[in-house]
């Protein structure tokens, strides 16, 4: 894994699944559940990569969406509901 333009370590994130079955277009709020996988390497305060210290975790997040004035959806709240 490399570093971004500022020199900070980059992490990898991937959306594995999205369930928008509780999303209704005419409602003012909705619940969307997503399963995410996040991975990254850990670095010391000196900026040196810590050999052998990395993470790769999957977790489920429940997002509460609210209808914005422009008609789009905005994330109003997020709750991690589980890990695997």
N, C-alpha and C. Protein backbone atom coordinates (compact mmCIF):
# COMPACT_ATOMS: atom_id res chain seq x y z
N UNK A 1 0.85 -1.16 0.00
CA UNK A 1 0.00 0.00 0.00
C UNK A 1 0.89 1.23 0.00
N UNK A 2 0.52 2.24 -0.75
CA UNK A 2 1.31 3.45 -0.86
C UNK A 2 0.83 4.55 0.05
N UNK A 3 1.23 5.75 -0.32
CA UNK A 3 0.85 6.94 0.44
C UNK A 3 0.14 7.91 -0.48
N UNK A 4 -0.66 8.80 0.11
CA UNK A 4 -1.36 9.78 -0.70
C UNK A 4 -0.45 10.97 -1.00
N UNK A 5 -0.99 12.01 -1.61
CA UNK A 5 -0.19 13.17 -2.02
C UNK A 5 0.45 13.89 -0.84
N UNK A 6 -0.14 13.79 0.35
CA UNK A 6 0.41 14.46 1.52
C UNK A 6 1.45 13.61 2.24
N UNK A 7 1.62 12.37 1.79
CA UNK A 7 2.56 11.46 2.45
C UNK A 7 1.91 10.57 3.49
N UNK A 8 0.60 10.75 3.69
CA UNK A 8 -0.11 9.92 4.67
C UNK A 8 -0.37 8.53 4.10
N UNK A 9 -0.35 7.51 4.93
CA UNK A 9 -0.63 6.15 4.45
C UNK A 9 -2.05 6.05 3.89
N UNK A 10 -2.21 5.28 2.84
CA UNK A 10 -3.53 5.06 2.26
C UNK A 10 -4.14 3.79 2.82
N UNK A 11 -5.43 3.80 2.99
CA UNK A 11 -6.19 2.62 3.38
C UNK A 11 -7.05 2.21 2.19
N UNK A 12 -7.46 0.96 2.16
CA UNK A 12 -8.32 0.47 1.10
C UNK A 12 -9.70 0.20 1.69
N UNK A 13 -10.73 0.60 0.97
CA UNK A 13 -12.10 0.34 1.40
C UNK A 13 -12.90 -0.15 0.20
N UNK A 14 -13.78 -1.08 0.45
CA UNK A 14 -14.59 -1.66 -0.62
C UNK A 14 -16.00 -1.89 -0.10
N UNK A 15 -16.99 -1.49 -0.90
CA UNK A 15 -18.38 -1.79 -0.57
C UNK A 15 -18.69 -3.17 -1.12
N UNK A 16 -19.06 -4.11 -0.24
CA UNK A 16 -19.33 -5.48 -0.66
C UNK A 16 -20.80 -5.72 -0.96
N UNK A 17 -21.70 -4.98 -0.30
CA UNK A 17 -23.13 -5.20 -0.51
C UNK A 17 -23.91 -3.99 0.00
N UNK A 18 -25.02 -3.67 -0.66
CA UNK A 18 -25.91 -2.59 -0.21
C UNK A 18 -27.34 -3.10 -0.27
N UNK A 19 -28.08 -2.89 0.81
CA UNK A 19 -29.50 -3.25 0.86
C UNK A 19 -30.30 -1.96 1.02
N UNK A 20 -30.95 -1.55 -0.06
CA UNK A 20 -31.76 -0.33 -0.02
C UNK A 20 -33.24 -0.68 -0.07
N UNK A 21 -33.62 -1.87 0.40
CA UNK A 21 -35.00 -2.32 0.33
C UNK A 21 -35.94 -1.47 1.19
N UNK A 22 -35.38 -0.75 2.18
CA UNK A 22 -36.22 0.11 3.03
C UNK A 22 -36.19 1.56 2.56
N UNK A 23 -35.77 1.77 1.31
CA UNK A 23 -35.71 3.11 0.73
C UNK A 23 -36.97 3.34 -0.09
N UNK A 24 -37.76 4.32 0.28
CA UNK A 24 -38.97 4.64 -0.48
C UNK A 24 -38.84 6.06 -1.02
N UNK A 25 -38.96 6.22 -2.32
CA UNK A 25 -38.71 7.51 -2.96
C UNK A 25 -39.55 8.67 -2.42
N UNK A 26 -40.78 8.41 -2.00
CA UNK A 26 -41.65 9.50 -1.55
C UNK A 26 -41.51 9.81 -0.06
N UNK A 27 -40.70 9.06 0.65
CA UNK A 27 -40.54 9.27 2.10
C UNK A 27 -39.49 10.35 2.36
N UNK A 28 -39.54 10.92 3.56
CA UNK A 28 -38.57 11.93 3.94
C UNK A 28 -37.33 11.36 4.59
N UNK A 29 -37.36 10.07 4.91
CA UNK A 29 -36.21 9.41 5.54
C UNK A 29 -36.17 7.96 5.09
N UNK A 30 -35.01 7.34 5.19
CA UNK A 30 -34.86 5.96 4.76
C UNK A 30 -33.70 5.32 5.51
N UNK A 31 -33.68 4.00 5.53
CA UNK A 31 -32.60 3.22 6.13
C UNK A 31 -31.93 2.42 5.01
N UNK A 32 -30.61 2.50 4.94
CA UNK A 32 -29.83 1.72 3.98
C UNK A 32 -28.76 0.99 4.75
N UNK A 33 -28.62 -0.30 4.50
CA UNK A 33 -27.59 -1.11 5.15
C UNK A 33 -26.52 -1.46 4.14
N UNK A 34 -25.26 -1.31 4.54
CA UNK A 34 -24.14 -1.61 3.65
C UNK A 34 -23.13 -2.47 4.37
N UNK A 35 -22.55 -3.42 3.65
CA UNK A 35 -21.44 -4.24 4.17
C UNK A 35 -20.17 -3.72 3.53
N UNK A 36 -19.22 -3.32 4.36
CA UNK A 36 -17.97 -2.73 3.90
C UNK A 36 -16.79 -3.58 4.32
N UNK A 37 -15.72 -3.53 3.55
CA UNK A 37 -14.45 -4.14 3.93
C UNK A 37 -13.39 -3.05 3.85
N UNK A 38 -12.62 -2.94 4.92
CA UNK A 38 -11.59 -1.91 5.02
C UNK A 38 -10.26 -2.58 5.37
N UNK A 39 -9.19 -2.15 4.72
CA UNK A 39 -7.87 -2.72 4.99
C UNK A 39 -6.83 -1.60 4.99
N UNK A 40 -5.80 -1.79 5.76
CA UNK A 40 -4.73 -0.79 5.80
C UNK A 40 -3.53 -1.29 6.58
N UNK A 41 -2.45 -0.57 6.46
CA UNK A 41 -1.22 -0.85 7.19
C UNK A 41 -1.10 0.17 8.32
N UNK A 42 -0.48 -0.23 9.40
CA UNK A 42 -0.28 0.66 10.53
C UNK A 42 1.13 1.25 10.49
N UNK A 43 1.23 2.51 10.89
CA UNK A 43 2.50 3.23 10.85
C UNK A 43 2.84 3.78 12.23
N UNK A 44 4.12 3.85 12.53
CA UNK A 44 4.58 4.43 13.80
C UNK A 44 4.46 5.95 13.73
N UNK A 45 4.59 6.60 14.87
CA UNK A 45 4.52 8.06 14.92
C UNK A 45 5.61 8.69 14.07
N UNK A 46 6.69 7.97 13.83
CA UNK A 46 7.79 8.47 13.01
C UNK A 46 7.47 8.43 11.52
N UNK A 47 6.35 7.77 11.16
CA UNK A 47 5.98 7.65 9.76
C UNK A 47 6.46 6.36 9.12
N UNK A 48 7.20 5.55 9.90
CA UNK A 48 7.71 4.28 9.38
C UNK A 48 6.62 3.21 9.48
N UNK A 49 6.48 2.45 8.41
CA UNK A 49 5.49 1.37 8.38
C UNK A 49 5.87 0.32 9.42
N UNK A 50 4.89 -0.09 10.21
CA UNK A 50 5.09 -1.09 11.25
C UNK A 50 4.96 -2.48 10.61
N UNK A 51 6.08 -3.13 10.41
CA UNK A 51 6.11 -4.44 9.73
C UNK A 51 5.20 -5.45 10.44
N UNK A 52 4.38 -6.10 9.66
CA UNK A 52 3.52 -7.15 10.20
C UNK A 52 2.27 -6.65 10.89
N UNK A 53 2.08 -5.34 10.94
CA UNK A 53 0.90 -4.79 11.60
C UNK A 53 -0.01 -4.17 10.55
N UNK A 54 -1.07 -4.88 10.25
CA UNK A 54 -2.05 -4.39 9.29
C UNK A 54 -3.43 -4.88 9.73
N UNK A 55 -4.45 -4.39 9.05
CA UNK A 55 -5.80 -4.84 9.37
C UNK A 55 -6.59 -5.06 8.09
N UNK A 56 -7.57 -5.92 8.17
CA UNK A 56 -8.47 -6.23 7.06
C UNK A 56 -9.77 -6.69 7.70
N UNK A 57 -10.73 -5.79 7.81
CA UNK A 57 -11.96 -6.06 8.54
C UNK A 57 -13.19 -5.79 7.69
N UNK A 58 -14.20 -6.61 7.87
CA UNK A 58 -15.51 -6.37 7.24
C UNK A 58 -16.47 -5.97 8.35
N UNK A 59 -17.38 -5.06 8.02
CA UNK A 59 -18.38 -4.65 8.99
C UNK A 59 -19.64 -4.17 8.27
N UNK A 60 -20.73 -4.14 9.00
CA UNK A 60 -22.02 -3.72 8.47
C UNK A 60 -22.39 -2.38 9.10
N UNK A 61 -22.85 -1.46 8.26
CA UNK A 61 -23.24 -0.13 8.73
C UNK A 61 -24.69 0.13 8.31
N UNK A 62 -25.48 0.64 9.24
CA UNK A 62 -26.84 1.05 8.94
C UNK A 62 -26.85 2.57 8.84
N UNK A 63 -27.16 3.07 7.65
CA UNK A 63 -27.21 4.51 7.41
C UNK A 63 -28.66 4.99 7.46
N UNK A 64 -28.91 6.07 8.18
CA UNK A 64 -30.20 6.74 8.14
C UNK A 64 -30.04 7.91 7.18
N UNK A 65 -30.86 7.92 6.14
CA UNK A 65 -30.80 8.98 5.14
C UNK A 65 -31.97 9.93 5.33
N UNK A 66 -31.74 11.19 5.06
CA UNK A 66 -32.79 12.20 5.14
C UNK A 66 -32.88 12.91 3.79
N UNK A 67 -34.08 13.21 3.38
CA UNK A 67 -34.30 13.91 2.11
C UNK A 67 -33.89 15.37 2.29
N UNK A 68 -33.03 15.85 1.42
CA UNK A 68 -32.57 17.24 1.47
C UNK A 68 -33.54 18.14 0.70
N UNK A 69 -33.39 19.43 0.89
CA UNK A 69 -34.26 20.40 0.21
C UNK A 69 -34.13 20.32 -1.31
N UNK A 70 -32.95 19.93 -1.80
CA UNK A 70 -32.75 19.82 -3.25
C UNK A 70 -33.27 18.51 -3.82
N UNK A 71 -33.88 17.67 -2.96
CA UNK A 71 -34.44 16.39 -3.41
C UNK A 71 -33.48 15.22 -3.30
N UNK A 72 -32.21 15.49 -3.05
CA UNK A 72 -31.23 14.42 -2.90
C UNK A 72 -31.27 13.82 -1.50
N UNK A 73 -30.53 12.75 -1.30
CA UNK A 73 -30.45 12.09 0.00
C UNK A 73 -29.14 12.46 0.67
N UNK A 74 -29.20 12.67 1.97
CA UNK A 74 -28.01 12.96 2.77
C UNK A 74 -27.95 11.97 3.93
N UNK A 75 -26.75 11.59 4.32
CA UNK A 75 -26.58 10.71 5.47
C UNK A 75 -26.81 11.53 6.73
N UNK A 76 -27.82 11.15 7.51
CA UNK A 76 -28.14 11.84 8.75
C UNK A 76 -27.50 11.16 9.95
N UNK A 77 -27.28 9.83 9.84
CA UNK A 77 -26.72 9.08 10.95
C UNK A 77 -26.12 7.79 10.39
N UNK A 78 -25.15 7.25 11.09
CA UNK A 78 -24.54 5.98 10.71
C UNK A 78 -24.26 5.18 11.97
N UNK A 79 -24.53 3.89 11.92
CA UNK A 79 -24.33 3.03 13.08
C UNK A 79 -23.71 1.72 12.62
N UNK A 80 -22.56 1.37 13.16
CA UNK A 80 -21.94 0.07 12.88
C UNK A 80 -22.75 -0.97 13.65
N UNK A 81 -23.36 -1.90 12.91
CA UNK A 81 -24.24 -2.88 13.55
C UNK A 81 -23.63 -4.26 13.68
N UNK A 82 -22.48 -4.49 13.07
CA UNK A 82 -21.86 -5.80 13.20
C UNK A 82 -20.54 -5.88 12.49
N UNK A 83 -19.74 -6.85 12.91
CA UNK A 83 -18.45 -7.12 12.27
C UNK A 83 -18.37 -8.61 11.97
N UNK A 84 -17.50 -8.95 11.05
CA UNK A 84 -17.29 -10.35 10.73
C UNK A 84 -15.82 -10.68 10.73
